[in-house]
């Protein structure tokens, strides 16, 4: 059983506004530059499972290209081990992290954040 959900971090450049079924405006498109992952960590029978969040974003200035498998590996590592102290979370990732925290709380009912 796979207890993971993820969402891509996308660039603002190349996005366009589209109306969804309800008539609300929504942004779609943009180049994939990163990934935010939410998973649950089973803590045993006594305590409720815990939701863990991890992120990965490629360095576009250094010429990196997005690789889904590498991004999932880095995001899983950061979810379980934490983000290193010398690495600052990018603004684009923070926006998606906040959205993912709300989505994970709905998806993994009974788990604590």
C-alpha atoms as a PDB file:
ATOM      1  CA  UNK A   1       0.000   0.000   0.000  1.00  0.00           C
ATOM      2  CA  UNK A   2       1.439   3.356  -1.022  1.00  0.00           C
ATOM      3  CA  UNK A   3       0.657   6.128   1.444  1.00  0.00           C
ATOM      4  CA  UNK A   4       2.116   9.033  -0.510  1.00  0.00           C
ATOM      5  CA  UNK A   5       0.668  11.975  -2.368  1.00  0.00           C
ATOM      6  CA  UNK A   6       2.657  14.579  -4.255  1.00  0.00           C
ATOM      7  CA  UNK A   7       2.236  17.794  -6.185  1.00  0.00           C
ATOM      8  CA  UNK A   8       4.586  19.450  -8.659  1.00  0.00           C
ATOM      9  CA  UNK A   9       6.169  22.851  -8.149  1.00  0.00           C
ATOM     10  CA  UNK A  10       5.825  24.751 -11.426  1.00  0.00           C
ATOM     11  CA  UNK A  11       7.270  27.949 -12.843  1.00  0.00           C
ATOM     12  CA  UNK A  12       5.005  30.963 -13.167  1.00  0.00           C
ATOM     13  CA  UNK A  13       6.281  31.572 -16.694  1.00  0.00           C
ATOM     14  CA  UNK A  14       4.171  29.779 -19.286  1.00  0.00           C
ATOM     15  CA  UNK A  15       1.073  29.445 -17.106  1.00  0.00           C
ATOM     16  CA  UNK A  16      -2.337  30.496 -18.327  1.00  0.00           C
ATOM     17  CA  UNK A  17      -5.696  31.167 -16.716  1.00  0.00           C
ATOM     18  CA  UNK A  18      -8.546  28.774 -17.533  1.00  0.00           C
ATOM     19  CA  UNK A  19     -12.100  28.505 -16.212  1.00  0.00           C
ATOM     20  CA  UNK A  20     -12.951  25.219 -14.541  1.00  0.00           C
ATOM     21  CA  UNK A  21     -16.362  23.498 -14.485  1.00  0.00           C
ATOM     22  CA  UNK A  22     -17.629  25.772 -11.696  1.00  0.00           C
ATOM     23  CA  UNK A  23     -16.626  28.873 -13.668  1.00  0.00           C
ATOM     24  CA  UNK A  24     -13.721  29.724 -11.344  1.00  0.00           C
ATOM     25  CA  UNK A  25     -10.405  30.881 -12.792  1.00  0.00           C
ATOM     26  CA  UNK A  26      -7.487  28.497 -12.335  1.00  0.00           C
ATOM     27  CA  UNK A  27      -3.842  28.567 -13.404  1.00  0.00           C
ATOM     28  CA  UNK A  28      -2.566  25.634 -15.433  1.00  0.00           C
ATOM     29  CA  UNK A  29       0.702  24.791 -17.160  1.00  0.00           C
ATOM     30  CA  UNK A  30       4.186  25.953 -16.400  1.00  0.00           C
ATOM     31  CA  UNK A  31       7.421  23.992 -16.399  1.00  0.00           C
ATOM     32  CA  UNK A  32       7.898  21.407 -13.632  1.00  0.00           C
ATOM     33  CA  UNK A  33      10.794  22.463 -11.406  1.00  0.00           C
ATOM     34  CA  UNK A  34      10.169  20.550  -8.201  1.00  0.00           C
ATOM     35  CA  UNK A  35       7.968  18.324  -6.119  1.00  0.00           C
ATOM     36  CA  UNK A  36       6.312  18.367  -2.676  1.00  0.00           C
ATOM     37  CA  UNK A  37       5.554  15.008  -1.064  1.00  0.00           C
ATOM     38  CA  UNK A  38       3.290  14.067   1.847  1.00  0.00           C
ATOM     39  CA  UNK A  39       3.479  10.634   3.429  1.00  0.00           C
ATOM     40  CA  UNK A  40       2.517   9.082   6.734  1.00  0.00           C
ATOM     41  CA  UNK A  41       4.881   7.576   9.261  1.00  0.00           C
ATOM     42  CA  UNK A  42       3.307   4.783  11.293  1.00  0.00           C
ATOM     43  CA  UNK A  43       4.155   5.300  14.942  1.00  0.00           C
ATOM     44  CA  UNK A  44       2.777   2.034  16.288  1.00  0.00           C
ATOM     45  CA  UNK A  45      -0.544   0.977  17.717  1.00  0.00           C
ATOM     46  CA  UNK A  46      -0.727   3.473  20.597  1.00  0.00           C
ATOM     47  CA  UNK A  47      -0.088   6.781  18.846  1.00  0.00           C
ATOM     48  CA  UNK A  48      -1.760   8.177  15.733  1.00  0.00           C
ATOM     49  CA  UNK A  49       0.311   8.116  12.530  1.00  0.00           C
ATOM     50  CA  UNK A  50       2.183  11.317  11.685  1.00  0.00           C
ATOM     51  CA  UNK A  51       2.079  13.217   8.370  1.00  0.00           C
ATOM     52  CA  UNK A  52       5.545  14.000   7.024  1.00  0.00           C
ATOM     53  CA  UNK A  53       6.205  16.616   4.336  1.00  0.00           C
ATOM     54  CA  UNK A  54       9.246  16.779   2.069  1.00  0.00           C
ATOM     55  CA  UNK A  55      10.229  18.864  -0.928  1.00  0.00           C
ATOM     56  CA  UNK A  56      12.699  18.930  -3.791  1.00  0.00           C
ATOM     57  CA  UNK A  57      13.427  21.671  -6.305  1.00  0.00           C
ATOM     58  CA  UNK A  58      15.996  21.759  -9.101  1.00  0.00           C
ATOM     59  CA  UNK A  59      18.508  24.593  -9.369  1.00  0.00           C
ATOM     60  CA  UNK A  60      17.606  26.243 -12.679  1.00  0.00           C
ATOM     61  CA  UNK A  61      20.476  28.739 -12.458  1.00  0.00           C
ATOM     62  CA  UNK A  62      22.953  25.836 -12.439  1.00  0.00           C
ATOM     63  CA  UNK A  63      21.239  24.302 -15.476  1.00  0.00           C
ATOM     64  CA  UNK A  64      19.509  21.435 -13.666  1.00  0.00           C
ATOM     65  CA  UNK A  65      16.578  19.699 -15.349  1.00  0.00           C
ATOM     66  CA  UNK A  66      13.635  18.220 -13.451  1.00  0.00           C
ATOM     67  CA  UNK A  67      13.818  14.442 -12.915  1.00  0.00           C
ATOM     68  CA  UNK A  68      10.768  12.924 -11.221  1.00  0.00           C
ATOM     69  CA  UNK A  69      12.557   9.885  -9.738  1.00  0.00           C
ATOM     70  CA  UNK A  70      15.394  11.953  -8.301  1.00  0.00           C
ATOM     71  CA  UNK A  71      12.902  14.522  -6.957  1.00  0.00           C
ATOM     72  CA  UNK A  72      10.837  11.798  -5.239  1.00  0.00           C
ATOM     73  CA  UNK A  73      13.992  10.366  -3.634  1.00  0.00           C
ATOM     74  CA  UNK A  74      15.126  13.746  -2.293  1.00  0.00           C
ATOM     75  CA  UNK A  75      11.615  14.628  -1.076  1.00  0.00           C
ATOM     76  CA  UNK A  76      11.276  11.264   0.747  1.00  0.00           C
ATOM     77  CA  UNK A  77      14.668  11.758   2.386  1.00  0.00           C
ATOM     78  CA  UNK A  78      13.717  15.260   3.557  1.00  0.00           C
ATOM     79  CA  UNK A  79      10.340  14.017   4.806  1.00  0.00           C
ATOM     80  CA  UNK A  80      11.862  11.318   7.011  1.00  0.00           C
ATOM     81  CA  UNK A  81      15.185  12.944   7.979  1.00  0.00           C
ATOM     82  CA  UNK A  82      14.326  16.657   7.774  1.00  0.00           C
ATOM     83  CA  UNK A  83      15.748  19.484   5.687  1.00  0.00           C
ATOM     84  CA  UNK A  84      19.443  20.254   6.332  1.00  0.00           C
ATOM     85  CA  UNK A  85      20.048  23.429   8.359  1.00  0.00           C
ATOM     86  CA  UNK A  86      22.101  25.091   5.610  1.00  0.00           C
ATOM     87  CA  UNK A  87      19.320  24.665   2.988  1.00  0.00           C
ATOM     88  CA  UNK A  88      16.603  27.319   2.852  1.00  0.00           C
ATOM     89  CA  UNK A  89      13.161  26.306   1.582  1.00  0.00           C
ATOM     90  CA  UNK A  90      12.427  28.202  -1.664  1.00  0.00           C
ATOM     91  CA  UNK A  91       9.387  30.478  -1.837  1.00  0.00           C
ATOM     92  CA  UNK A  92       7.775  28.414  -4.607  1.00  0.00           C
ATOM     93  CA  UNK A  93       8.103  25.276  -2.479  1.00  0.00           C
ATOM     94  CA  UNK A  94       6.671  27.013   0.610  1.00  0.00           C
ATOM     95  CA  UNK A  95       3.471  27.911  -1.252  1.00  0.00           C
ATOM     96  CA  UNK A  96       2.973  24.314  -2.380  1.00  0.00           C
ATOM     97  CA  UNK A  97       3.981  22.962   1.080  1.00  0.00           C
ATOM     98  CA  UNK A  98       1.188  24.956   2.716  1.00  0.00           C
ATOM     99  CA  UNK A  99      -1.334  23.697   0.167  1.00  0.00           C
ATOM    100  CA  UNK A 100      -0.062  20.121   0.576  1.00  0.00           C
ATOM    101  CA  UNK A 101      -0.389  20.247   4.376  1.00  0.00           C
ATOM    102  CA  UNK A 102      -4.115  21.003   4.041  1.00  0.00           C
ATOM    103  CA  UNK A 103      -4.550  18.349   1.347  1.00  0.00           C
ATOM    104  CA  UNK A 104      -2.662  15.703   3.380  1.00  0.00           C
ATOM    105  CA  UNK A 105      -4.758  16.368   6.498  1.00  0.00           C
ATOM    106  CA  UNK A 106      -7.884  15.650   4.426  1.00  0.00           C
ATOM    107  CA  UNK A 107      -6.403  12.623   2.689  1.00  0.00           C
ATOM    108  CA  UNK A 108      -4.812  10.926   5.720  1.00  0.00           C
ATOM    109  CA  UNK A 109      -7.670  11.147   8.214  1.00  0.00           C
ATOM    110  CA  UNK A 110      -6.659  10.363  11.784  1.00  0.00           C
ATOM    111  CA  UNK A 111      -3.018  11.285  11.211  1.00  0.00           C
ATOM    112  CA  UNK A 112      -1.406  14.253  12.967  1.00  0.00           C
ATOM    113  CA  UNK A 113       0.593  16.933  11.177  1.00  0.00           C
END
